[in-house]
Structure formats: C-alpha cells, structure tokens
N, C-alpha and C. Protein backbone atom coordinates (compact mmCIF):
# COMPACT_ATOMS: atom_id res chain seq x y z
N UNK A 1 94.63 69.29 124.58
CA UNK A 1 95.54 69.77 123.57
C UNK A 1 94.74 70.38 122.44
N UNK A 2 95.09 71.58 122.06
CA UNK A 2 94.37 72.25 120.99
C UNK A 2 95.11 72.15 119.68
N UNK A 3 94.43 72.57 118.65
CA UNK A 3 95.04 72.53 117.31
C UNK A 3 94.57 73.75 116.54
N UNK A 4 95.51 74.58 116.17
CA UNK A 4 95.21 75.72 115.31
C UNK A 4 96.10 75.54 114.09
N UNK A 5 95.51 75.56 112.91
CA UNK A 5 96.30 75.31 111.71
C UNK A 5 95.99 76.33 110.64
N UNK A 6 97.01 76.68 109.89
CA UNK A 6 96.83 77.44 108.66
C UNK A 6 97.61 76.69 107.59
N UNK A 7 97.51 77.12 106.36
CA UNK A 7 98.22 76.41 105.29
C UNK A 7 99.73 76.51 105.43
N UNK A 8 100.23 77.47 106.20
CA UNK A 8 101.68 77.62 106.33
C UNK A 8 102.20 77.37 107.73
N UNK A 9 101.35 77.41 108.71
CA UNK A 9 101.81 77.27 110.10
C UNK A 9 101.00 76.20 110.81
N UNK A 10 101.61 75.59 111.81
CA UNK A 10 100.92 74.61 112.64
C UNK A 10 101.27 74.92 114.08
N UNK A 11 100.28 75.25 114.87
CA UNK A 11 100.48 75.56 116.27
C UNK A 11 100.00 74.38 117.11
N UNK A 12 100.89 73.85 117.91
CA UNK A 12 100.51 72.73 118.77
C UNK A 12 101.08 73.01 120.15
N UNK A 13 100.20 73.06 121.15
CA UNK A 13 100.61 73.32 122.52
C UNK A 13 101.48 74.57 122.64
N UNK A 14 101.11 75.62 121.88
CA UNK A 14 101.81 76.88 121.97
C UNK A 14 103.10 76.97 121.18
N UNK A 15 103.52 75.87 120.54
CA UNK A 15 104.76 75.88 119.78
C UNK A 15 104.46 76.11 118.30
N UNK A 16 105.04 77.13 117.73
CA UNK A 16 104.80 77.52 116.34
C UNK A 16 105.80 76.81 115.43
N UNK A 17 105.29 76.04 114.46
CA UNK A 17 106.16 75.33 113.54
C UNK A 17 105.79 75.71 112.12
N UNK A 18 106.79 76.11 111.33
CA UNK A 18 106.56 76.41 109.93
C UNK A 18 106.71 75.12 109.15
N UNK A 19 105.59 74.62 108.60
CA UNK A 19 105.61 73.33 107.92
C UNK A 19 105.97 73.46 106.45
N UNK A 20 106.21 74.66 105.95
CA UNK A 20 106.56 74.82 104.54
C UNK A 20 107.97 75.35 104.35
N UNK A 21 108.75 75.44 105.41
CA UNK A 21 110.06 76.06 105.29
C UNK A 21 111.05 75.23 104.49
N UNK A 22 110.97 73.92 104.52
CA UNK A 22 111.94 73.07 103.85
C UNK A 22 111.59 72.87 102.38
N UNK A 23 110.35 72.62 102.07
CA UNK A 23 109.90 72.32 100.72
C UNK A 23 109.13 73.53 100.18
N UNK A 24 109.33 73.84 98.93
CA UNK A 24 108.67 75.00 98.36
C UNK A 24 107.17 74.78 98.15
N UNK A 25 106.75 73.53 97.96
CA UNK A 25 105.34 73.28 97.67
C UNK A 25 104.88 72.03 98.42
N UNK A 26 104.33 72.25 99.60
CA UNK A 26 103.87 71.15 100.44
C UNK A 26 102.36 71.27 100.56
N UNK A 27 101.65 70.19 100.30
CA UNK A 27 100.20 70.19 100.36
C UNK A 27 99.73 69.35 101.54
N UNK A 28 98.79 69.93 102.28
CA UNK A 28 98.21 69.24 103.42
C UNK A 28 97.02 68.40 102.93
N UNK A 29 97.10 67.10 103.16
CA UNK A 29 96.09 66.15 102.72
C UNK A 29 95.51 65.45 103.94
N UNK A 30 94.18 65.42 104.04
CA UNK A 30 93.52 64.66 105.11
C UNK A 30 93.06 63.34 104.50
N UNK A 31 93.47 62.24 105.12
CA UNK A 31 93.07 60.90 104.70
C UNK A 31 91.89 60.49 105.57
N UNK A 32 90.74 60.28 104.95
CA UNK A 32 89.52 59.99 105.70
C UNK A 32 88.82 58.76 105.14
N UNK A 33 87.89 58.24 105.91
CA UNK A 33 87.11 57.08 105.50
C UNK A 33 86.71 56.28 106.73
N UNK A 34 85.76 55.38 106.55
CA UNK A 34 85.31 54.56 107.66
C UNK A 34 86.40 53.59 108.10
N UNK A 35 86.30 53.12 109.33
CA UNK A 35 87.23 52.13 109.87
C UNK A 35 87.19 50.88 108.99
N UNK A 36 88.35 50.37 108.65
CA UNK A 36 88.44 49.17 107.85
C UNK A 36 88.40 49.39 106.35
N UNK A 37 88.36 50.66 105.93
CA UNK A 37 88.27 50.95 104.49
C UNK A 37 89.61 50.78 103.78
N UNK A 38 90.70 50.81 104.55
CA UNK A 38 92.03 50.65 103.97
C UNK A 38 92.85 51.92 103.94
N UNK A 39 92.46 52.93 104.72
CA UNK A 39 93.17 54.21 104.74
C UNK A 39 94.65 54.03 105.06
N UNK A 40 94.92 53.39 106.17
CA UNK A 40 96.30 53.26 106.63
C UNK A 40 97.11 52.35 105.71
N UNK A 41 96.50 51.31 105.17
CA UNK A 41 97.20 50.45 104.20
C UNK A 41 97.56 51.24 102.95
N UNK A 42 96.66 52.11 102.50
CA UNK A 42 96.96 52.95 101.34
C UNK A 42 98.09 53.91 101.66
N UNK A 43 98.06 54.51 102.83
CA UNK A 43 99.14 55.41 103.23
C UNK A 43 100.48 54.67 103.25
N UNK A 44 100.49 53.47 103.81
CA UNK A 44 101.73 52.69 103.85
C UNK A 44 102.19 52.28 102.45
N UNK A 45 101.24 51.97 101.57
CA UNK A 45 101.57 51.64 100.17
C UNK A 45 102.22 52.84 99.49
N UNK A 46 101.67 54.03 99.72
CA UNK A 46 102.22 55.23 99.11
C UNK A 46 103.61 55.55 99.65
N UNK A 47 103.80 55.33 100.94
CA UNK A 47 105.07 55.67 101.58
C UNK A 47 106.18 54.66 101.25
N UNK A 48 105.85 53.36 101.28
CA UNK A 48 106.87 52.32 101.13
C UNK A 48 106.81 51.57 99.80
N UNK A 49 105.81 51.88 98.98
CA UNK A 49 105.60 51.21 97.69
C UNK A 49 105.48 49.69 97.83
N UNK A 50 104.92 49.26 98.93
CA UNK A 50 104.64 47.85 99.16
C UNK A 50 103.45 47.75 100.10
N UNK A 51 102.75 46.62 100.05
CA UNK A 51 101.59 46.44 100.93
C UNK A 51 102.05 46.06 102.32
N UNK A 52 101.55 46.80 103.29
CA UNK A 52 101.81 46.50 104.70
C UNK A 52 100.45 46.43 105.37
N UNK A 53 100.12 45.27 105.91
CA UNK A 53 98.83 45.10 106.58
C UNK A 53 98.79 46.03 107.78
N UNK A 54 97.84 46.93 107.80
CA UNK A 54 97.73 47.90 108.89
C UNK A 54 97.21 47.21 110.14
N UNK A 55 97.82 47.55 111.26
CA UNK A 55 97.40 47.03 112.55
C UNK A 55 96.94 48.22 113.38
N UNK A 56 95.68 48.23 113.84
CA UNK A 56 95.21 49.36 114.64
C UNK A 56 96.09 49.55 115.87
N UNK A 57 96.61 50.78 116.02
CA UNK A 57 97.52 51.07 117.12
C UNK A 57 96.85 51.81 118.25
N UNK A 58 95.62 52.21 118.06
CA UNK A 58 94.94 52.99 119.08
C UNK A 58 95.25 54.47 118.98
N UNK A 59 96.13 54.85 118.06
CA UNK A 59 96.46 56.25 117.87
C UNK A 59 95.35 56.91 117.07
N UNK A 60 94.99 58.13 117.45
CA UNK A 60 93.90 58.79 116.76
C UNK A 60 94.37 59.52 115.50
N UNK A 61 95.70 59.71 115.35
CA UNK A 61 96.19 60.41 114.17
C UNK A 61 97.66 60.10 113.95
N UNK A 62 98.02 59.93 112.68
CA UNK A 62 99.43 59.85 112.32
C UNK A 62 99.66 60.79 111.14
N UNK A 63 100.86 61.28 111.02
CA UNK A 63 101.20 62.22 109.96
C UNK A 63 102.41 61.67 109.21
N UNK A 64 102.29 61.60 107.91
CA UNK A 64 103.38 61.11 107.06
C UNK A 64 103.65 62.13 105.97
N UNK A 65 104.93 62.34 105.68
CA UNK A 65 105.31 63.20 104.57
C UNK A 65 105.78 62.32 103.43
N UNK A 66 105.22 62.52 102.25
CA UNK A 66 105.57 61.72 101.08
C UNK A 66 106.00 62.67 99.96
N UNK A 67 107.21 62.45 99.44
CA UNK A 67 107.68 63.24 98.31
C UNK A 67 107.04 62.71 97.04
N UNK A 68 106.34 63.57 96.36
CA UNK A 68 105.63 63.20 95.15
C UNK A 68 106.48 63.51 93.93
N UNK A 69 107.04 64.70 93.89
CA UNK A 69 107.94 65.16 92.83
C UNK A 69 109.03 65.96 93.51
N UNK A 70 110.00 66.42 92.73
CA UNK A 70 111.09 67.21 93.31
C UNK A 70 110.59 68.42 94.08
N UNK A 71 109.53 69.04 93.60
CA UNK A 71 109.06 70.28 94.21
C UNK A 71 107.66 70.15 94.81
N UNK A 72 107.21 68.91 95.08
CA UNK A 72 105.88 68.73 95.63
C UNK A 72 105.89 67.60 96.66
N UNK A 73 105.50 67.95 97.87
CA UNK A 73 105.37 66.97 98.95
C UNK A 73 103.94 66.96 99.45
N UNK A 74 103.47 65.81 99.85
CA UNK A 74 102.18 65.68 100.51
C UNK A 74 102.42 65.40 101.98
N UNK A 75 101.84 66.22 102.83
CA UNK A 75 101.84 65.98 104.27
C UNK A 75 100.47 65.37 104.56
N UNK A 76 100.44 64.05 104.80
CA UNK A 76 99.18 63.32 104.90
C UNK A 76 98.82 63.06 106.35
N UNK A 77 97.62 63.50 106.72
CA UNK A 77 97.10 63.32 108.07
C UNK A 77 96.10 62.16 108.04
N UNK A 78 96.50 61.03 108.62
CA UNK A 78 95.64 59.84 108.71
C UNK A 78 94.94 59.93 110.06
N UNK A 79 93.67 60.34 110.03
CA UNK A 79 92.94 60.62 111.26
C UNK A 79 91.86 59.57 111.47
N UNK A 80 91.82 59.00 112.68
CA UNK A 80 90.83 57.99 113.02
C UNK A 80 89.43 58.51 112.76
N UNK A 81 88.62 57.69 112.14
CA UNK A 81 87.24 58.08 111.78
C UNK A 81 86.44 58.55 112.99
N UNK A 82 86.68 57.97 114.14
CA UNK A 82 85.92 58.31 115.35
C UNK A 82 86.32 59.66 115.93
N UNK A 83 87.48 60.18 115.55
CA UNK A 83 87.98 61.42 116.11
C UNK A 83 87.52 62.62 115.26
N UNK A 84 86.26 62.97 115.41
CA UNK A 84 85.65 64.03 114.60
C UNK A 84 86.28 65.40 114.89
N UNK A 85 86.69 65.65 116.15
CA UNK A 85 87.29 66.95 116.49
C UNK A 85 88.59 67.16 115.72
N UNK A 86 89.45 66.15 115.69
CA UNK A 86 90.71 66.27 114.95
C UNK A 86 90.43 66.44 113.46
N UNK A 87 89.48 65.66 112.94
CA UNK A 87 89.14 65.78 111.52
C UNK A 87 88.68 67.19 111.19
N UNK A 88 87.77 67.72 111.99
CA UNK A 88 87.25 69.06 111.75
C UNK A 88 88.37 70.09 111.77
N UNK A 89 89.26 69.97 112.72
CA UNK A 89 90.39 70.89 112.86
C UNK A 89 91.24 70.90 111.59
N UNK A 90 91.53 69.74 111.06
CA UNK A 90 92.43 69.64 109.91
C UNK A 90 91.72 69.80 108.57
N UNK A 91 90.45 69.47 108.49
CA UNK A 91 89.70 69.63 107.24
C UNK A 91 89.62 71.10 106.83
N UNK A 92 89.49 71.97 107.81
CA UNK A 92 89.34 73.40 107.51
C UNK A 92 90.52 73.97 106.75
N UNK A 93 91.69 73.40 106.93
CA UNK A 93 92.89 73.94 106.29
C UNK A 93 93.53 72.98 105.30
N UNK A 94 92.83 71.93 104.94
CA UNK A 94 93.39 70.94 104.01
C UNK A 94 93.38 71.46 102.58
N UNK A 95 94.41 71.11 101.84
CA UNK A 95 94.44 71.39 100.41
C UNK A 95 93.63 70.35 99.65
N UNK A 96 93.54 69.14 100.24
CA UNK A 96 92.78 68.06 99.61
C UNK A 96 92.39 67.04 100.67
N UNK A 97 91.38 66.26 100.32
CA UNK A 97 90.97 65.12 101.14
C UNK A 97 91.06 63.89 100.24
N UNK A 98 91.67 62.84 100.76
CA UNK A 98 91.61 61.54 100.10
C UNK A 98 90.63 60.73 100.94
N UNK A 99 89.48 60.42 100.36
CA UNK A 99 88.44 59.68 101.08
C UNK A 99 88.42 58.25 100.54
N UNK A 100 88.67 57.29 101.43
CA UNK A 100 88.77 55.88 101.05
C UNK A 100 87.47 55.15 101.40
N UNK A 101 86.94 54.43 100.41
CA UNK A 101 85.71 53.65 100.60
C UNK A 101 86.00 52.19 100.29
N UNK A 102 85.58 51.31 101.20
CA UNK A 102 85.68 49.86 100.98
C UNK A 102 84.59 49.45 100.00
N UNK A 103 84.98 49.06 98.79
CA UNK A 103 84.03 48.71 97.75
C UNK A 103 83.21 47.46 98.05
N UNK A 104 83.59 46.71 99.08
CA UNK A 104 82.87 45.49 99.43
C UNK A 104 81.92 45.68 100.61
N UNK A 105 81.97 46.84 101.26
CA UNK A 105 81.20 47.07 102.49
C UNK A 105 79.83 47.66 102.16
N UNK A 106 78.99 46.86 101.56
CA UNK A 106 77.67 47.29 101.09
C UNK A 106 76.80 47.82 102.24
N UNK A 107 76.88 47.20 103.40
CA UNK A 107 76.03 47.57 104.53
C UNK A 107 76.31 48.97 105.06
N UNK A 108 77.49 49.52 104.81
CA UNK A 108 77.84 50.82 105.39
C UNK A 108 77.89 51.97 104.38
N UNK A 109 77.34 51.76 103.20
CA UNK A 109 77.35 52.84 102.21
C UNK A 109 76.56 54.06 102.71
N UNK A 110 75.51 53.84 103.50
CA UNK A 110 74.76 54.96 104.05
C UNK A 110 75.62 55.76 105.02
N UNK A 111 76.53 55.09 105.76
CA UNK A 111 77.44 55.80 106.66
C UNK A 111 78.44 56.64 105.87
N UNK A 112 78.90 56.07 104.76
CA UNK A 112 79.81 56.82 103.89
C UNK A 112 79.11 58.08 103.40
N UNK A 113 77.86 57.95 102.97
CA UNK A 113 77.10 59.10 102.48
C UNK A 113 76.97 60.17 103.56
N UNK A 114 76.68 59.77 104.78
CA UNK A 114 76.59 60.72 105.90
C UNK A 114 77.94 61.40 106.14
N UNK A 115 79.02 60.62 106.08
CA UNK A 115 80.35 61.15 106.32
C UNK A 115 80.74 62.15 105.23
N UNK A 116 80.43 61.82 103.98
CA UNK A 116 80.73 62.74 102.88
C UNK A 116 79.95 64.05 103.01
N UNK A 117 78.70 63.95 103.47
CA UNK A 117 77.89 65.16 103.70
C UNK A 117 78.53 66.02 104.78
N UNK A 118 78.96 65.39 105.88
CA UNK A 118 79.61 66.11 106.98
C UNK A 118 80.89 66.79 106.50
N UNK A 119 81.71 66.07 105.75
CA UNK A 119 82.96 66.63 105.24
C UNK A 119 82.67 67.81 104.32
N UNK A 120 81.71 67.66 103.44
CA UNK A 120 81.35 68.74 102.52
C UNK A 120 80.89 69.98 103.28
N UNK A 121 80.10 69.79 104.32
CA UNK A 121 79.64 70.92 105.14
C UNK A 121 80.80 71.61 105.84
N UNK A 122 81.75 70.83 106.35
CA UNK A 122 82.89 71.40 107.06
C UNK A 122 83.85 72.12 106.12
N UNK A 123 83.83 71.75 104.84
CA UNK A 123 84.77 72.32 103.89
C UNK A 123 84.09 73.26 102.90
N UNK A 124 82.87 73.66 103.17
CA UNK A 124 82.09 74.42 102.19
C UNK A 124 82.71 75.75 101.78
N UNK A 125 83.57 76.30 102.60
CA UNK A 125 84.19 77.58 102.25
C UNK A 125 85.63 77.42 101.76
N UNK A 126 86.06 76.21 101.61
CA UNK A 126 87.44 75.99 101.17
C UNK A 126 87.50 75.78 99.66
N UNK A 127 88.69 75.80 99.16
CA UNK A 127 88.91 75.55 97.74
C UNK A 127 89.60 74.19 97.56
N UNK A 128 89.30 73.28 98.44
CA UNK A 128 89.93 71.96 98.43
C UNK A 128 89.34 71.07 97.37
N UNK A 129 90.05 70.00 97.09
CA UNK A 129 89.62 68.98 96.16
C UNK A 129 89.52 67.66 96.93
N UNK A 130 88.64 66.78 96.47
CA UNK A 130 88.48 65.48 97.12
C UNK A 130 88.80 64.38 96.11
N UNK A 131 89.70 63.49 96.50
CA UNK A 131 89.97 62.29 95.72
C UNK A 131 89.29 61.14 96.45
N UNK A 132 88.30 60.54 95.81
CA UNK A 132 87.59 59.41 96.40
C UNK A 132 88.20 58.14 95.82
N UNK A 133 88.71 57.29 96.70
CA UNK A 133 89.30 56.02 96.29
C UNK A 133 88.35 54.88 96.62
N UNK A 134 87.90 54.17 95.59
CA UNK A 134 87.09 52.97 95.78
C UNK A 134 88.07 51.82 95.96
N UNK A 135 88.45 51.55 97.21
CA UNK A 135 89.44 50.54 97.53
C UNK A 135 88.83 49.13 97.48
N UNK A 136 89.68 48.16 97.30
CA UNK A 136 89.30 46.74 97.28
C UNK A 136 88.43 46.39 96.07
N UNK A 137 88.53 47.20 95.00
CA UNK A 137 87.71 46.95 93.82
C UNK A 137 88.07 45.63 93.16
N UNK A 138 89.26 45.10 93.45
CA UNK A 138 89.72 43.86 92.83
C UNK A 138 89.12 42.60 93.48
N UNK A 139 88.40 42.77 94.58
CA UNK A 139 87.79 41.62 95.25
C UNK A 139 86.49 41.23 94.56
N UNK A 140 86.17 39.96 94.64
CA UNK A 140 85.03 39.39 93.92
C UNK A 140 83.69 40.04 94.30
N UNK A 141 83.52 40.42 95.56
CA UNK A 141 82.23 40.97 95.99
C UNK A 141 82.18 42.50 95.98
N UNK A 142 83.11 43.12 95.27
CA UNK A 142 83.12 44.59 95.18
C UNK A 142 81.99 45.09 94.30
N UNK A 143 81.40 46.21 94.69
CA UNK A 143 80.38 46.86 93.87
C UNK A 143 81.05 47.53 92.68
N UNK A 144 80.33 47.69 91.58
CA UNK A 144 80.89 48.40 90.43
C UNK A 144 80.87 49.90 90.73
N UNK A 145 81.68 50.64 89.98
CA UNK A 145 81.87 52.08 90.23
C UNK A 145 80.57 52.87 90.15
N UNK A 146 79.71 52.60 89.17
CA UNK A 146 78.46 53.36 89.05
C UNK A 146 77.55 53.15 90.26
N UNK A 147 77.47 51.91 90.74
CA UNK A 147 76.67 51.63 91.94
C UNK A 147 77.26 52.34 93.15
N UNK A 148 78.59 52.34 93.26
CA UNK A 148 79.26 53.01 94.38
C UNK A 148 78.95 54.51 94.37
N UNK A 149 79.02 55.11 93.19
CA UNK A 149 78.75 56.55 93.07
C UNK A 149 77.32 56.85 93.51
N UNK A 150 76.39 56.02 93.07
CA UNK A 150 74.98 56.23 93.42
C UNK A 150 74.72 55.99 94.91
N UNK A 151 75.24 54.89 95.45
CA UNK A 151 74.98 54.53 96.85
C UNK A 151 75.62 55.50 97.84
N UNK A 152 76.79 56.02 97.51
CA UNK A 152 77.50 56.91 98.44
C UNK A 152 77.18 58.38 98.23
N UNK A 153 76.57 58.69 97.10
CA UNK A 153 76.25 60.09 96.83
C UNK A 153 77.47 60.94 96.58
N UNK A 154 78.54 60.34 96.05
CA UNK A 154 79.80 61.06 95.85
C UNK A 154 79.58 62.39 95.13
N UNK A 155 78.82 62.39 94.07
CA UNK A 155 78.61 63.63 93.34
C UNK A 155 77.53 64.51 93.96
N UNK A 156 76.51 63.92 94.54
CA UNK A 156 75.41 64.72 95.09
C UNK A 156 75.72 65.28 96.47
N UNK A 157 76.55 64.60 97.27
CA UNK A 157 76.82 65.04 98.64
C UNK A 157 78.01 65.98 98.74
N UNK A 158 78.95 65.90 97.81
CA UNK A 158 80.14 66.73 97.89
C UNK A 158 80.00 67.96 97.00
N UNK A 159 80.04 69.12 97.63
CA UNK A 159 79.96 70.38 96.90
C UNK A 159 81.38 70.92 96.68
N UNK A 160 82.26 70.05 96.20
CA UNK A 160 83.66 70.37 95.97
C UNK A 160 84.09 69.72 94.67
N UNK A 161 85.28 70.06 94.19
CA UNK A 161 85.84 69.34 93.05
C UNK A 161 86.15 67.92 93.49
N UNK A 162 85.72 66.93 92.72
CA UNK A 162 85.86 65.52 93.10
C UNK A 162 86.50 64.73 91.97
N UNK A 163 87.46 63.90 92.35
CA UNK A 163 88.03 62.89 91.46
C UNK A 163 87.66 61.54 92.03
N UNK A 164 87.44 60.56 91.18
CA UNK A 164 87.11 59.21 91.62
C UNK A 164 88.11 58.25 90.99
N UNK A 165 88.61 57.31 91.80
CA UNK A 165 89.55 56.33 91.29
C UNK A 165 89.33 54.99 91.97
N UNK A 166 89.20 53.94 91.18
CA UNK A 166 89.17 52.59 91.74
C UNK A 166 90.61 52.21 92.06
N UNK A 167 90.81 51.48 93.17
CA UNK A 167 92.17 51.12 93.54
C UNK A 167 92.20 49.86 94.41
N UNK A 168 93.40 49.40 94.65
CA UNK A 168 93.63 48.28 95.56
C UNK A 168 94.87 48.60 96.38
N UNK A 169 94.71 48.73 97.68
CA UNK A 169 95.86 48.97 98.56
C UNK A 169 96.81 47.78 98.50
N UNK A 170 96.25 46.60 98.35
CA UNK A 170 97.06 45.38 98.36
C UNK A 170 97.98 45.30 97.15
N UNK A 171 97.44 45.51 95.94
CA UNK A 171 98.27 45.40 94.73
C UNK A 171 98.88 46.73 94.31
N UNK A 172 98.31 47.83 94.79
CA UNK A 172 98.76 49.16 94.40
C UNK A 172 98.08 49.67 93.14
N UNK A 173 97.28 48.80 92.51
CA UNK A 173 96.61 49.18 91.26
C UNK A 173 95.70 50.38 91.47
N UNK A 174 95.82 51.37 90.60
CA UNK A 174 94.97 52.55 90.63
C UNK A 174 95.44 53.67 91.53
N UNK A 175 96.35 53.40 92.45
CA UNK A 175 96.79 54.45 93.38
C UNK A 175 97.58 55.55 92.68
N UNK A 176 98.49 55.18 91.79
CA UNK A 176 99.27 56.20 91.09
C UNK A 176 98.37 57.06 90.22
N UNK A 177 97.39 56.43 89.57
CA UNK A 177 96.45 57.20 88.75
C UNK A 177 95.68 58.21 89.60
N UNK A 178 95.27 57.80 90.80
CA UNK A 178 94.60 58.73 91.71
C UNK A 178 95.50 59.87 92.13
N UNK A 179 96.75 59.55 92.49
CA UNK A 179 97.70 60.59 92.86
C UNK A 179 97.96 61.53 91.69
N UNK A 180 98.05 60.97 90.49
CA UNK A 180 98.28 61.82 89.31
C UNK A 180 97.18 62.85 89.14
N UNK A 181 95.94 62.48 89.47
CA UNK A 181 94.83 63.42 89.38
C UNK A 181 95.04 64.58 90.35
N UNK A 182 95.50 64.28 91.57
CA UNK A 182 95.79 65.35 92.54
C UNK A 182 96.97 66.19 92.08
N UNK A 183 98.02 65.53 91.60
CA UNK A 183 99.20 66.25 91.15
C UNK A 183 98.83 67.22 90.04
N UNK A 184 98.08 66.75 89.05
CA UNK A 184 97.64 67.62 87.95
C UNK A 184 96.82 68.79 88.47
N UNK A 185 95.98 68.53 89.45
CA UNK A 185 95.15 69.58 90.03
C UNK A 185 96.03 70.66 90.67
N UNK A 186 97.04 70.22 91.43
CA UNK A 186 97.91 71.17 92.12
C UNK A 186 98.88 71.87 91.18
N UNK A 187 99.48 71.11 90.29
CA UNK A 187 100.50 71.67 89.41
C UNK A 187 99.90 72.54 88.32
N UNK A 188 98.83 72.05 87.71
CA UNK A 188 98.25 72.78 86.60
C UNK A 188 96.96 73.51 86.97
N UNK A 189 96.47 73.24 88.17
CA UNK A 189 95.25 73.89 88.61
C UNK A 189 94.04 73.46 87.81
N UNK A 190 94.02 72.19 87.39
CA UNK A 190 92.90 71.73 86.58
C UNK A 190 92.46 70.34 86.98
N UNK A 191 91.20 70.06 86.72
CA UNK A 191 90.67 68.72 86.92
C UNK A 191 91.03 67.89 85.68
N UNK A 192 91.43 66.65 85.93
CA UNK A 192 91.77 65.80 84.81
C UNK A 192 90.69 64.76 84.55
N UNK A 193 89.51 65.02 85.05
CA UNK A 193 88.38 64.10 84.84
C UNK A 193 88.37 62.97 85.85
N UNK A 194 87.41 62.10 85.68
CA UNK A 194 87.34 60.94 86.56
C UNK A 194 86.95 59.80 85.71
C-alpha cells in the first residue's frame, strides 16, 4: 500500500480524498516519539479530555481529528516509532510535529537525539513547526527541562521552529499550553516562545 500526500489531498490505494473540504482550516500533525513516551495517551487525553491508559494494538498508525477552535481542526497521525516509512511519508507534508519525550527515560535520550536528527533531515525543506512535549515531568525521577534540552539536543538537532512544553498525559497539565503555542503559530503565524 502506498501513500502520496499533499496538504490538501490524500491518495490511498488510488482513491483521492479531499481532507480539507469540510473544515476551512485543517492542520496535519504527526505525533512522534519513542515507544512508551506517552504519544497515544496524550492523543487520547486531547480527544476525550480524560486519561486513558494506552494499550498497544499492533496498529502501525491511527488518525484522529480533534476540533481545536470553530475554524481550526488538527488531523493527528499517531505513527508507530518503528514504522519509519509511514513517518517519512507523512512528515514531508505535515504542518507540525508533536514530538513526545518520556522525561524519566534517561537511558534513551541518545535515541531521542538520533530521532530528532532524522526528523529534522526529513523535514529540512518544509515550513513546519515542532512542539516537543516533555511528558511525565510530574514523576519523581523526571529530568529537569534544561537537562532534557541538553541531552536530547532539541535546539541543536532541529533546524525548524521549535516549542517546548513540560506536560503530563495522566493529569493533562501542560497540554493545553502546548496546544496554545501551536494554535498561536497557525492563527497568528508567530512563535509564542518556550
């Protein structure tokens, strides 16, 4: 099965679907991060406004549409970290990437750095923005934000506009602030800092 995507059209198995016909302003968002970082739990928190413990289904990708404002919808592609082909296909046409990092997973910060480098290389010609979510920051063994930035190379590895937000998928803390940064970027075309 192939995948050809543009910001306005999605071709799957030869069937042409206009993904912007219903809503005037729909943004394609790729949700990325290492396995266990909390990507799917964050997606479920955003969709249902409650914590739902994610159970791996074996699916390599799910797509959720979330209404952000009356005239702004996010079409979020939650793609399995191991499925690099699907990620590459969708990264090229994404309006933004939400990259989730487990703030307690000290041993895998080098993998995060490699992944961010790969994403930056794949998106080097795009005008996308990246929202980096430091998930699980509320846990006792979480690294502080400055250490996370240094260990993951968030600023040095990403050659894109970057927002950083500490959050908790479980409590929902910080998620709205992160979304607000993306909303401001799309609505006003500006960075609101980090």
